[in-house]
Amino acid sequence: MSHSSSTYQIPEAIFDDLDGLTDADRAGLSEVWSMISEDASPVYGSVDNRKDQVRSVVMEQVSHPDAPKMHTVRLPKQPAARIFDLRFRLVSIAAALVVGLSFLLSPSTEHFRSPVGSKMPMLVSLSDGSTVSLSPGSRLSVQDNFGTDNRSVKLHGQAFFDVTAGAVPFQVSTFDATTQVLGTSFSVTAWPGSVEAASEVVVKTGRVSVASRFGKVLLNPGEMTSIDLEGHSPSDPSEANVATSLYWTMGGFYFDEELVENVIKEVERRFDVRIDAPVSIKLRRFSYATKEAVTASDVMGDLAATIGIRYRPTANGFELYLQ
């Protein structure tokens, strides 16, 4: 079967969803697209089937790095820190590419995106009376037929859902899990581009079902679960501090032994700044809680004091460095 050259050109909409790409990153993504585009071609049938093909191909390469690759590429030897940095970037880009494709290929959908640089979440009102608070940089995809017979949405990022009771279950799909309720309030965090990326669900009121391809759990008020990084199934329900986990809805922050790499990304989304740091700092962990809205400089100062590093302002953000 012949294909036009445009078949292998990555849509610009994908690049729009990936901030901070270098020219080398764009070239690498274009090559990845060319390798998977044949798997995503119409020969596989429906749009949903094509999305599954794209998702499985990319995530197989990320989740199983020792598996046979689509192409063999010989790279020059790199310092250990550089290899870690490359791995972080590849996981982030590949996962974001999967989610970007899922949003791009979804038929007849309306997309809501909370602006980067917003200190407070964006409120989205759905046609069934439910409301969604989207944290900065998060995206919500809602099909045009959402309503009485279909209450399914897709989430990239972080959101708090206050769901109106109804006969049809309300369903939230993320890159690795599906959360289903009839009427309740709960938060979902799912940043596929994060290091140790995994969906996390915290229930404020009502009961919630959380499922992955490998398991399912039921959550009661005050409980939480996250997708296990090894078994890819929801963890057993555990007690959650709902109030602190929702500090972000008031402009605050809550990190519990979070990798600094992920903290940096959250601050970048919240304040629309760029933060540079070596891998030796990104691999450290940071605990922090504040329910009040603060500045990026406040967070950087607390981070530096807590983990014993230094920081300084740059033209467009901050730089973290060792003493």
Protein backbone atom coordinates (compact mmCIF):
# COMPACT_ATOMS: atom_id res chain seq x y z
CA MET A 1 0.00 0.00 0.00
CA SER A 2 1.41 3.40 -0.93
CA HIS A 3 1.30 6.41 1.37
CA SER A 4 1.64 10.08 0.64
CA SER A 5 4.58 11.86 2.24
CA SER A 6 2.19 13.75 4.50
CA THR A 7 1.29 10.45 6.17
CA TYR A 8 4.66 10.55 7.89
CA GLN A 9 4.64 14.21 8.92
CA ILE A 10 3.86 14.76 12.58
CA PRO A 11 0.94 17.19 13.05
CA GLU A 12 1.96 20.57 14.41
CA ALA A 13 -0.76 20.17 17.06
CA ILE A 14 1.45 17.59 18.76
CA PHE A 15 4.33 20.06 19.02
CA ASP A 16 1.93 22.65 20.46
CA ASP A 17 1.31 20.37 23.44
CA LEU A 18 5.01 19.88 24.21
CA ASP A 19 6.68 22.92 25.70
CA GLY A 20 10.41 23.54 25.68
CA LEU A 21 11.36 21.29 22.76
CA THR A 22 14.75 21.77 21.17
CA ASP A 23 15.31 21.33 17.43
CA ALA A 24 16.86 17.93 18.23
CA ASP A 25 13.72 16.95 20.18
CA ARG A 26 11.49 17.94 17.25
CA ALA A 27 13.63 15.93 14.84
CA GLY A 28 13.51 12.91 17.15
CA LEU A 29 9.75 13.13 17.53
CA SER A 30 9.32 13.39 13.78
CA GLU A 31 11.32 10.19 13.38
CA VAL A 32 9.25 8.45 16.07
CA TRP A 33 6.11 9.57 14.25
CA SER A 34 7.37 8.17 10.96
CA MET A 35 8.05 4.82 12.66
CA ILE A 36 4.58 4.56 14.21
CA SER A 37 2.49 6.29 11.56
CA GLU A 38 2.18 3.13 9.50
CA ASP A 39 0.75 1.39 12.58
CA ALA A 40 -1.67 4.28 12.90
CA SER A 41 -2.76 4.23 9.27
CA PRO A 42 -6.33 3.51 8.15
CA VAL A 43 -5.47 -0.11 7.38
CA TYR A 44 -6.08 -0.73 11.10
CA GLY A 45 -9.66 0.40 10.86
CA SER A 46 -11.37 2.78 13.28
CA VAL A 47 -9.89 5.82 14.94
CA ASP A 48 -10.01 4.05 18.31
CA ASN A 49 -8.02 1.15 16.91
CA ARG A 50 -5.46 3.54 15.47
CA LYS A 51 -5.09 5.30 18.81
CA ASP A 52 -4.55 1.93 20.51
CA GLN A 53 -1.87 1.04 17.97
CA VAL A 54 -0.03 4.32 18.52
CA ARG A 55 -0.28 4.06 22.28
CA SER A 56 0.92 0.46 22.43
CA VAL A 57 3.88 1.04 20.12
CA VAL A 58 5.22 4.10 21.93
CA MET A 59 4.58 2.87 25.46
CA GLU A 60 6.18 -0.50 24.67
CA GLN A 61 9.40 1.31 23.81
CA VAL A 62 9.25 3.38 27.00
CA SER A 63 8.10 0.67 29.43
CA HIS A 64 10.33 -2.11 28.07
CA PRO A 65 13.61 -0.53 27.00
CA ASP A 66 15.23 -3.95 26.55
CA ALA A 67 12.67 -5.10 24.01
CA PRO A 68 13.64 -5.21 20.31
CA LYS A 69 13.45 -1.71 18.86
CA MET A 70 11.85 -0.71 15.58
CA HIS A 71 15.26 0.50 14.43
CA THR A 72 18.76 -0.06 15.75
CA VAL A 73 20.54 3.20 16.46
CA ARG A 74 24.14 3.40 17.65
CA LEU A 75 24.82 6.33 19.93
CA PRO A 76 28.16 7.62 21.20
CA LYS A 77 28.91 6.93 24.85
CA GLN A 78 27.40 9.51 27.18
CA PRO A 79 28.21 10.48 30.78
CA ALA A 80 25.91 8.84 33.35
CA ALA A 81 24.20 12.13 34.24
CA ARG A 82 23.52 12.80 30.55
CA ILE A 83 21.98 9.34 30.14
CA PHE A 84 19.64 9.98 33.09
CA ASP A 85 18.67 13.32 31.59
CA LEU A 86 18.02 11.74 28.20
CA ARG A 87 15.89 9.01 29.78
CA PHE A 88 13.81 11.61 31.64
CA ARG A 89 13.27 13.53 28.40
CA LEU A 90 12.46 10.47 26.30
CA VAL A 91 9.89 9.19 28.80
CA SER A 92 8.34 12.64 29.05
CA ILE A 93 8.18 13.19 25.30
CA ALA A 94 6.93 9.70 24.46
CA ALA A 95 4.19 9.77 27.07
CA ALA A 96 3.13 13.28 26.10
CA LEU A 97 3.09 12.19 22.46
CA VAL A 98 0.70 9.35 23.28
CA VAL A 99 -1.67 11.66 25.12
CA GLY A 100 -1.37 14.33 22.44
CA LEU A 101 -2.28 11.80 19.77
CA SER A 102 -5.22 10.58 21.82
CA PHE A 103 -6.57 14.12 22.07
CA LEU A 104 -5.84 14.88 18.41
CA LEU A 105 -7.50 11.74 17.06
CA SER A 106 -10.58 11.83 19.30
CA PRO A 107 -13.61 12.43 17.08
CA SER A 108 -16.02 15.33 17.66
CA THR A 109 -14.58 16.60 20.91
CA GLU A 110 -14.37 19.90 22.73
CA HIS A 111 -11.07 20.62 24.45
CA PHE A 112 -10.59 22.74 27.55
CA ARG A 113 -7.08 23.81 28.56
CA SER A 114 -6.22 25.70 31.71
CA PRO A 115 -3.65 28.37 30.77
CA VAL A 116 -0.05 27.95 31.86
CA GLY A 117 0.89 30.74 34.22
CA SER A 118 -2.48 30.80 36.02
CA LYS A 119 -2.20 30.76 39.79
CA MET A 120 -5.73 29.42 40.20
CA PRO A 121 -7.49 26.55 38.41
CA MET A 122 -9.91 27.07 35.55
CA LEU A 123 -13.54 26.10 36.21
CA VAL A 124 -15.33 24.09 33.50
CA SER A 125 -19.12 23.57 33.67
CA LEU A 126 -20.42 20.47 31.87
CA SER A 127 -23.85 20.00 30.34
CA ASP A 128 -24.95 17.46 32.98
CA GLY A 129 -24.42 20.01 35.77
CA SER A 130 -21.03 18.64 36.85
CA THR A 131 -18.09 21.00 37.31
CA VAL A 132 -14.36 20.46 36.81
CA SER A 133 -11.51 22.53 38.26
CA LEU A 134 -8.47 22.23 35.97
CA SER A 135 -5.00 23.03 37.30
CA PRO A 136 -2.71 25.17 35.09
CA GLY A 137 -1.52 23.32 31.99
CA SER A 138 -4.17 20.61 32.32
CA ARG A 139 -6.47 19.56 29.48
CA LEU A 140 -9.96 18.10 29.48
CA SER A 141 -11.50 16.47 26.40
CA VAL A 142 -15.30 16.18 26.22
CA GLN A 143 -17.14 14.51 23.34
CA ASP A 144 -19.93 16.45 21.66
CA ASN A 145 -22.48 13.80 22.66
CA PHE A 146 -21.67 14.20 26.36
CA GLY A 147 -24.89 14.33 28.36
CA THR A 148 -27.62 12.04 29.58
CA ASP A 149 -26.46 8.95 27.68
CA ASN A 150 -22.70 9.50 27.74
CA ARG A 151 -20.68 11.04 30.56
CA SER A 152 -17.11 10.19 29.56
CA VAL A 153 -14.21 12.66 29.56
CA LYS A 154 -10.44 12.44 29.12
CA LEU A 155 -7.93 14.17 31.37
CA HIS A 156 -4.30 15.14 30.93
CA GLY A 157 -3.03 16.74 34.13
CA GLN A 158 -4.83 17.48 37.37
CA ALA A 159 -8.50 18.14 38.06
CA PHE A 160 -11.10 18.15 40.81
CA PHE A 161 -14.48 16.79 39.73
CA ASP A 162 -17.78 17.64 41.43
CA VAL A 163 -20.12 15.22 39.68
CA THR A 164 -23.89 15.61 39.55
CA ALA A 165 -25.70 12.36 40.37
CA GLY A 166 -27.15 10.54 37.37
CA ALA A 167 -28.18 7.13 36.10
CA VAL A 168 -25.26 6.99 33.64
CA PRO A 169 -21.81 6.62 35.24
CA PHE A 170 -19.43 9.56 34.94
CA GLN A 171 -16.09 8.29 33.60
CA VAL A 172 -12.66 9.94 33.61
CA SER A 173 -9.99 8.36 31.41
CA THR A 174 -6.28 9.11 31.85
CA PHE A 175 -3.21 7.62 30.19
CA ASP A 176 -3.18 4.59 32.52
CA ALA A 177 -6.51 4.40 34.39
CA THR A 178 -10.28 4.87 34.26
CA THR A 179 -12.19 6.41 37.18
CA GLN A 180 -15.97 5.87 37.32
CA VAL A 181 -18.66 7.33 39.59
CA LEU A 182 -22.39 8.04 39.67
CA GLY A 183 -22.28 11.23 41.72
CA THR A 184 -19.44 12.32 43.99
CA SER A 185 -16.46 14.65 44.31
CA PHE A 186 -12.87 13.55 43.80
CA SER A 187 -9.53 14.63 42.37
CA VAL A 188 -7.45 12.97 39.66
CA THR A 189 -3.78 13.68 38.98
CA ALA A 190 -2.26 12.21 35.83
CA TRP A 191 0.76 13.87 34.21
CA PRO A 192 2.00 11.29 31.67
CA GLY A 193 5.20 13.26 31.06
CA SER A 194 6.30 13.13 34.70
CA VAL A 195 9.06 10.92 36.04
CA GLU A 196 7.42 7.93 37.78
CA ALA A 197 4.19 8.92 36.01
CA ALA A 198 1.06 7.32 37.49
CA SER A 199 -2.56 8.35 37.88
CA GLU A 200 -3.62 9.20 41.44
CA VAL A 201 -7.21 9.47 42.66
CA VAL A 202 -8.33 11.03 45.96
CA VAL A 203 -12.00 10.83 47.02
CA LYS A 204 -13.67 13.65 48.94
CA THR A 205 -17.28 12.43 48.92
CA GLY A 206 -19.13 9.35 47.63
CA ARG A 207 -17.65 6.15 46.22
CA VAL A 208 -15.31 5.85 43.25
CA SER A 209 -14.14 2.92 41.11
CA VAL A 210 -10.60 3.10 39.72
CA ALA A 211 -9.50 0.56 37.13
CA SER A 212 -6.50 -0.15 34.93
CA ARG A 213 -5.93 -2.97 32.49
CA PHE A 214 -4.63 -5.12 35.36
CA GLY A 215 -6.94 -4.44 38.29
CA LYS A 216 -9.70 -2.46 39.95
CA VAL A 217 -10.35 -0.95 43.42
CA LEU A 218 -13.26 0.82 45.10
CA LEU A 219 -12.58 3.96 47.11
CA ASN A 220 -14.63 5.47 49.93
CA PRO A 221 -14.52 9.06 51.17
CA GLY A 222 -11.08 9.98 52.50
CA GLU A 223 -9.29 7.24 50.56
CA MET A 224 -6.84 7.33 47.68
CA THR A 225 -5.10 5.04 45.21
CA SER A 226 -2.44 5.34 42.53
CA ILE A 227 -1.43 3.09 39.68
CA ASP A 228 1.44 0.85 40.76
CA LEU A 229 4.56 1.49 38.67
CA GLU A 230 5.55 -2.18 38.64
CA GLY A 231 2.28 -4.07 38.39
CA HIS A 232 0.38 -1.32 36.56
CA SER A 233 -2.68 -1.97 38.75
CA PRO A 234 -4.36 0.34 41.30
CA SER A 235 -2.79 0.17 44.76
CA ASP A 236 -4.91 -0.90 47.72
CA PRO A 237 -7.02 1.96 49.11
CA SER A 238 -5.17 4.01 51.72
CA GLU A 239 -6.08 6.92 53.95
CA ALA A 240 -5.67 10.32 52.31
CA ASN A 241 -5.36 13.79 53.74
CA VAL A 242 -7.99 15.23 51.43
CA ALA A 243 -7.54 18.82 52.59
CA THR A 244 -3.81 18.99 51.86
CA SER A 245 -4.13 17.06 48.59
CA LEU A 246 -6.52 19.79 47.39
CA TYR A 247 -4.32 22.77 48.33
CA TRP A 248 -3.74 23.30 44.60
CA THR A 249 -7.42 24.25 44.14
CA MET A 250 -6.73 27.31 46.34
CA GLY A 251 -3.46 28.22 44.64
CA GLY A 252 -1.28 26.31 47.10
CA PHE A 253 1.07 23.34 46.77
CA TYR A 254 1.38 19.89 48.29
CA PHE A 255 4.30 17.56 47.57
CA ASP A 256 4.90 14.36 49.52
CA GLU A 257 8.42 13.02 48.88
CA GLU A 258 8.04 14.13 45.25
CA LEU A 259 10.94 14.05 42.82
CA VAL A 260 12.34 17.54 42.30
CA GLU A 261 12.01 16.99 38.54
CA ASN A 262 8.23 16.84 38.95
CA VAL A 263 8.19 19.77 41.38
CA ILE A 264 10.01 21.84 38.77
CA LYS A 265 7.43 20.98 36.12
CA GLU A 266 4.57 21.97 38.41
CA VAL A 267 6.14 25.33 39.25
CA GLU A 268 6.83 25.93 35.54
CA ARG A 269 3.18 25.28 34.70
CA ARG A 270 1.89 27.43 37.55
CA PHE A 271 4.07 30.46 36.92
CA ASP A 272 5.05 30.09 33.24
CA VAL A 273 8.77 30.14 34.01
CA ARG A 274 11.70 27.95 33.02
CA ILE A 275 13.74 26.25 35.74
CA ASP A 276 17.10 24.67 34.91
CA ALA A 277 18.75 22.10 37.18
CA PRO A 278 21.28 19.25 36.88
CA VAL A 279 20.05 15.67 37.12
CA SER A 280 21.77 15.31 40.49
CA ILE A 281 19.22 17.79 41.86
CA LYS A 282 16.25 16.51 39.85
CA LEU A 283 16.66 13.05 41.39
CA ARG A 284 16.25 14.35 44.95
CA ARG A 285 12.89 14.31 46.75
CA PHE A 286 11.01 17.18 48.30
CA SER A 287 8.09 17.46 50.75
CA TYR A 288 6.23 20.75 50.93
CA ALA A 289 2.78 22.03 51.84
CA THR A 290 1.19 25.45 51.67
CA LYS A 291 -2.47 26.21 51.10
CA GLU A 292 -1.82 29.89 50.37
CA ALA A 293 -0.92 31.20 46.95
CA VAL A 294 2.82 31.93 46.84
CA THR A 295 5.30 33.14 44.25
CA ALA A 296 7.71 31.02 42.23
CA SER A 297 10.57 32.62 44.17
CA ASP A 298 8.97 31.51 47.45
CA VAL A 299 8.80 27.90 46.28
CA MET A 300 12.38 27.98 44.96
CA GLY A 301 13.60 29.43 48.25
CA ASP A 302 11.85 26.76 50.31
CA LEU A 303 13.07 24.04 47.96
CA ALA A 304 16.66 25.24 48.15
CA ALA A 305 16.61 25.52 51.95
CA THR A 306 15.02 22.08 52.39
CA ILE A 307 17.30 19.99 50.17
CA GLY A 308 20.47 22.02 50.63
CA ILE A 309 21.04 23.63 47.24
CA ARG A 310 21.22 27.15 45.84
CA TYR A 311 19.11 29.01 43.30
CA ARG A 312 19.31 32.23 41.33
CA PRO A 313 16.99 34.07 38.99
CA THR A 314 17.58 33.94 35.23
CA ALA A 315 16.14 35.94 32.34
CA ASN A 316 13.06 33.71 32.13
CA GLY A 317 12.97 31.83 35.42
CA PHE A 318 15.47 30.22 37.79
CA GLU A 319 18.54 28.03 37.92
CA LEU A 320 19.13 25.46 40.66
CA TYR A 321 22.71 24.52 41.42
CA LEU A 322 24.81 22.78 44.06
CA GLN A 323 26.65 24.71 46.72
